[in-house]
Protein backbone atom coordinates (compact mmCIF):
# COMPACT_ATOMS: atom_id res chain seq x y z
CA MET A 1 27.21 -52.00 -167.61
CA LEU A 2 27.39 -50.89 -164.03
CA GLU A 3 24.40 -50.87 -161.70
CA LEU A 4 23.95 -50.15 -157.76
CA THR A 5 20.86 -51.37 -155.96
CA ASP A 6 20.15 -50.27 -152.43
CA VAL A 7 23.49 -50.11 -151.76
CA HIS A 8 24.65 -48.91 -147.89
CA SER A 9 28.24 -48.87 -147.26
CA GLY A 10 30.73 -47.13 -144.75
CA TYR A 11 33.57 -46.91 -142.63
CA GLY A 12 33.75 -49.32 -139.55
CA LEU A 13 30.58 -48.94 -137.85
CA SER A 14 29.70 -45.56 -139.70
CA THR A 15 27.25 -45.66 -142.69
CA VAL A 16 27.63 -43.09 -145.44
CA LEU A 17 25.73 -44.29 -148.52
CA ARG A 18 22.10 -45.38 -147.20
CA GLY A 19 20.28 -47.16 -150.10
CA PHE A 20 22.41 -45.62 -153.09
CA ASN A 21 20.81 -46.81 -156.45
CA LEU A 22 22.91 -45.71 -159.90
CA ARG A 23 23.01 -47.21 -163.34
CA VAL A 24 25.73 -46.37 -165.78
CA GLY A 25 25.60 -47.58 -169.43
CA ARG A 26 28.06 -48.68 -171.60
CA GLY A 27 29.96 -45.75 -173.27
CA GLU A 28 28.00 -43.42 -170.92
CA ILE A 29 29.61 -40.32 -169.04
CA VAL A 30 27.47 -39.61 -165.89
CA THR A 31 28.52 -37.25 -163.20
CA ILE A 32 27.77 -37.28 -159.45
CA LEU A 33 26.94 -33.93 -157.87
CA GLY A 34 26.34 -32.53 -154.34
CA ARG A 35 27.82 -30.64 -151.54
CA ASN A 36 30.91 -31.51 -149.95
CA GLY A 37 30.34 -34.79 -147.27
CA VAL A 38 27.66 -36.36 -148.80
CA GLY A 39 29.16 -39.39 -150.03
CA LYS A 40 30.51 -38.73 -153.36
CA THR A 41 34.11 -39.97 -152.81
CA THR A 42 32.83 -42.71 -150.65
CA LEU A 43 30.75 -44.10 -153.58
CA LEU A 44 33.60 -44.44 -155.80
CA ARG A 45 35.85 -46.10 -153.17
CA THR A 46 32.44 -48.52 -152.74
CA ILE A 47 32.67 -49.35 -156.40
CA VAL A 48 36.24 -50.26 -156.28
CA GLY A 49 36.19 -52.24 -153.09
CA ALA A 50 38.23 -49.61 -150.92
CA VAL A 51 35.02 -49.25 -148.78
CA ARG A 52 33.06 -52.24 -147.49
CA ILE A 53 29.56 -52.82 -148.67
CA HIS A 54 27.20 -53.43 -145.66
CA GLN A 55 23.85 -54.24 -147.50
CA GLY A 56 22.77 -54.05 -151.31
CA LYS A 57 24.58 -55.15 -154.54
CA ILE A 58 27.05 -53.75 -157.06
CA SER A 59 26.90 -55.68 -160.45
CA PHE A 60 29.33 -55.02 -163.25
CA ASP A 61 28.42 -56.37 -166.71
CA ASP A 62 25.78 -58.79 -164.99
CA GLN A 63 28.69 -60.05 -162.50
CA ASP A 64 28.49 -59.43 -158.76
CA LEU A 65 31.27 -57.54 -157.54
CA ASN A 66 30.05 -57.60 -153.76
CA LYS A 67 32.73 -59.94 -152.59
CA LEU A 68 35.72 -59.19 -154.84
CA PRO A 69 38.70 -57.32 -153.95
CA THR A 70 39.88 -54.50 -155.22
CA HIS A 71 42.46 -55.83 -157.38
CA GLU A 72 39.74 -58.23 -159.00
CA ARG A 73 37.83 -55.51 -159.84
CA ALA A 74 40.53 -53.57 -161.57
CA ARG A 75 41.15 -56.69 -163.83
CA ARG A 76 37.48 -56.82 -164.55
CA GLY A 77 37.95 -53.34 -166.22
CA ILE A 78 37.32 -50.86 -163.33
CA ALA A 79 39.63 -48.13 -163.04
CA TYR A 80 39.77 -45.30 -160.31
CA VAL A 81 41.72 -42.05 -160.23
CA PRO A 82 41.46 -40.66 -156.77
CA GLN A 83 40.86 -37.17 -155.51
CA GLY A 84 44.57 -35.51 -155.20
CA ARG A 85 45.74 -38.01 -158.11
CA ASP A 86 47.83 -39.89 -156.04
CA VAL A 87 50.78 -40.49 -158.35
CA PHE A 88 54.01 -41.96 -156.57
CA PRO A 89 55.91 -38.61 -156.20
CA SER A 90 59.37 -40.07 -155.86
CA LEU A 91 58.86 -42.49 -158.78
CA THR A 92 59.48 -41.18 -162.31
CA VAL A 93 56.81 -40.68 -164.91
CA LEU A 94 57.58 -43.90 -166.82
CA GLU A 95 58.20 -45.66 -163.16
CA ASN A 96 54.46 -44.65 -162.55
CA LEU A 97 53.37 -46.28 -165.60
CA LYS A 98 55.47 -49.32 -165.25
CA ALA A 99 53.87 -49.69 -161.47
CA ALA A 100 50.35 -49.82 -163.18
CA ALA A 101 51.25 -52.32 -165.91
CA TYR A 102 52.61 -54.44 -163.28
CA GLY A 103 49.55 -54.57 -161.05
CA THR A 104 47.78 -55.60 -164.49
CA LYS A 105 49.77 -58.73 -164.97
CA GLN A 106 48.24 -58.36 -168.53
CA LYS A 107 50.44 -59.49 -171.67
CA GLY A 108 51.65 -56.46 -173.89
CA TRP A 109 52.00 -54.14 -171.09
CA LYS A 110 55.43 -52.86 -172.32
CA GLU A 111 53.49 -51.67 -175.87
CA GLN A 112 50.79 -50.45 -173.63
CA VAL A 113 53.37 -48.08 -171.93
CA ASP A 114 54.41 -46.93 -175.36
CA ARG A 115 50.66 -46.30 -176.39
CA MET A 116 50.63 -43.83 -173.23
CA LEU A 117 53.49 -42.04 -174.18
CA ASP A 118 52.26 -41.66 -177.71
CA ASP A 119 49.00 -40.62 -176.50
CA PHE A 120 50.32 -37.95 -173.99
CA PRO A 121 53.11 -36.37 -175.63
CA VAL A 122 53.73 -34.08 -172.36
CA LEU A 123 54.37 -37.24 -170.40
CA ALA A 124 56.88 -38.71 -172.92
CA GLN A 125 58.85 -35.34 -172.47
CA LYS A 126 58.62 -35.65 -168.73
CA ARG A 127 59.31 -39.80 -168.62
CA GLN A 128 62.39 -39.51 -166.69
CA GLN A 129 60.95 -36.53 -164.42
CA ARG A 130 59.58 -37.70 -160.89
CA GLY A 131 55.94 -37.60 -160.25
CA GLY A 132 56.15 -35.16 -157.54
CA SER A 133 57.83 -32.56 -159.67
CA LEU A 134 55.22 -32.11 -162.36
CA SER A 135 52.53 -29.44 -162.33
CA GLY A 136 49.12 -30.46 -161.07
CA GLY A 137 47.91 -30.63 -164.67
CA GLN A 138 50.67 -32.61 -165.47
CA GLN A 139 50.18 -34.95 -162.62
CA GLN A 140 46.23 -35.30 -163.66
CA ILE A 141 47.18 -36.43 -167.04
CA LEU A 142 49.67 -38.69 -165.60
CA ALA A 143 46.95 -40.21 -163.35
CA LEU A 144 44.84 -40.54 -166.03
CA ALA A 145 47.22 -42.49 -168.18
CA ARG A 146 48.05 -44.88 -165.29
CA ALA A 147 44.45 -45.64 -164.77
CA LEU A 148 44.59 -46.48 -168.54
CA MET A 149 47.38 -49.00 -168.30
CA THR A 150 44.83 -51.26 -167.02
CA SER A 151 42.65 -51.18 -170.19
CA PRO A 152 39.37 -50.10 -168.22
CA ARG A 153 36.11 -50.15 -169.56
CA LEU A 154 34.46 -47.76 -166.59
CA LEU A 155 36.92 -44.94 -165.52
CA LEU A 156 36.15 -43.11 -162.13
CA LEU A 157 37.29 -39.79 -161.90
CA ASP A 158 37.15 -37.87 -158.50
CA GLU A 159 37.36 -34.08 -158.82
CA PRO A 160 39.99 -34.03 -161.64
CA SER A 161 39.74 -30.38 -162.05
CA GLU A 162 40.68 -29.69 -158.28
CA GLY A 163 43.78 -27.75 -157.70
CA ILE A 164 44.43 -27.29 -161.62
CA GLN A 165 44.64 -23.85 -163.05
CA PRO A 166 42.00 -22.91 -164.90
CA SER A 167 43.61 -22.46 -168.27
CA ILE A 168 44.72 -26.28 -168.18
CA VAL A 169 41.38 -27.31 -166.68
CA ASP A 170 39.70 -26.98 -170.56
CA GLN A 171 42.90 -29.56 -171.57
CA ILE A 172 41.97 -31.82 -168.72
CA ALA A 173 38.47 -32.27 -170.25
CA ASP A 174 39.32 -32.52 -173.78
CA THR A 175 41.64 -35.29 -172.59
CA VAL A 176 38.79 -37.42 -170.71
CA TRP A 177 36.64 -36.85 -173.85
CA THR A 178 39.12 -38.11 -176.09
CA ILE A 179 39.49 -41.10 -173.92
CA HIS A 180 36.16 -41.57 -173.90
CA GLU A 181 35.41 -41.30 -177.41
CA LYS A 182 38.46 -43.50 -178.96
CA ARG A 183 38.22 -46.25 -176.54
CA GLY A 184 34.30 -46.18 -175.71
CA ILE A 185 35.02 -46.20 -171.94
CA SER A 186 32.04 -45.29 -169.48
CA VAL A 187 32.97 -42.85 -167.05
CA ILE A 188 31.76 -41.57 -163.66
CA LEU A 189 32.78 -38.35 -162.92
CA VAL A 190 32.53 -36.73 -159.54
CA GLU A 191 33.15 -32.82 -160.00
CA GLN A 192 32.10 -29.40 -158.42
CA ASN A 193 33.36 -27.60 -161.48
CA LEU A 194 30.10 -27.20 -163.43
CA ASP A 195 31.70 -25.75 -166.62
CA PHE A 196 33.77 -28.89 -166.83
CA VAL A 197 30.64 -31.03 -166.38
CA GLU A 198 28.71 -29.29 -169.20
CA LYS A 199 31.80 -30.58 -171.60
CA LEU A 200 31.45 -34.17 -170.72
CA ALA A 201 28.55 -35.53 -168.93
CA SER A 202 25.04 -36.64 -170.20
CA ARG A 203 23.22 -37.64 -167.11
CA ALA A 204 23.58 -36.17 -163.70
CA TYR A 205 22.93 -37.77 -160.08
CA VAL A 206 22.23 -35.47 -157.17
CA VAL A 207 23.63 -36.96 -153.71
CA ASP A 208 22.63 -35.67 -150.31
CA LYS A 209 23.30 -37.60 -146.90
CA GLY A 210 24.63 -40.57 -148.98
CA GLN A 211 21.54 -41.11 -150.78
CA VAL A 212 20.20 -39.98 -154.87
CA VAL A 213 17.96 -37.31 -154.22
CA GLY A 214 17.55 -36.16 -158.23
CA GLU A 215 18.48 -37.67 -161.51
CA PHE A 216 18.72 -35.19 -164.22
CA PRO A 217 20.05 -34.75 -168.10
CA ALA A 218 23.06 -32.94 -167.18
CA SER A 219 22.81 -29.94 -169.45
CA GLU A 220 19.10 -29.64 -167.67
CA PHE A 221 20.71 -29.16 -164.40
CA ILE A 222 23.79 -27.35 -165.16
CA ASN A 223 21.29 -24.39 -166.83
CA ASN A 224 18.72 -24.48 -164.23
CA LYS A 225 19.93 -21.93 -161.23
CA ASP A 226 16.69 -23.06 -159.35
CA LEU A 227 17.95 -26.71 -159.11
CA GLN A 228 21.30 -25.65 -158.36
CA ARG A 229 20.08 -23.60 -155.43
CA GLU A 230 17.81 -26.57 -154.37
CA TYR A 231 20.25 -29.26 -154.26
CA LEU A 232 24.00 -27.61 -154.14
CA GLY A 233 23.20 -24.60 -152.35
CA VAL A 234 24.82 -22.10 -154.83
């Protein structure tokens, strides 16, 4: 479904990703692991077109994405939930969903909003509350629902458990798994919480200095302390 081949990208004259190679199959959940500052967020931003690619190729369903702007990549089925969630704090829950719907220009967006409220009862309960007034966990659910408004086939999640109390993290993992199961969506998950990763991912890419330095079955990496010490320093 998604393939990155020898991708170099970065900010201005600064290169962050250096010869990055990645593949994600249809309906697969893949995790990206690594220390802080090694290029994980840059990877996701490069896939969606928010960071310019200097060299290499990104293909999605055998289509070259290199020259497509971010909104065109979204319309082809790639959705991004950024680190920190970035909900619109002054808009209500309902307005956040409508804003995402407006950007898709898809027919039937009103039905899609109704579906999100049915799938996520907490959002239905809070529909008239401002996004900034929600708890961290509720904001994460809203960010997921907003991404799903675009009917994606590939979902990019950047640190979805960050800043969320432990009792809610399992609920977030269950929500992501349900989305994956019900809709057949592929997922790229950037996450530091290995317990969270274990619940979801089948394969793990380990990144250092903007390159893939290891690829493992996710369960093998999570259950091997020697690998974690070698690649993550934990």
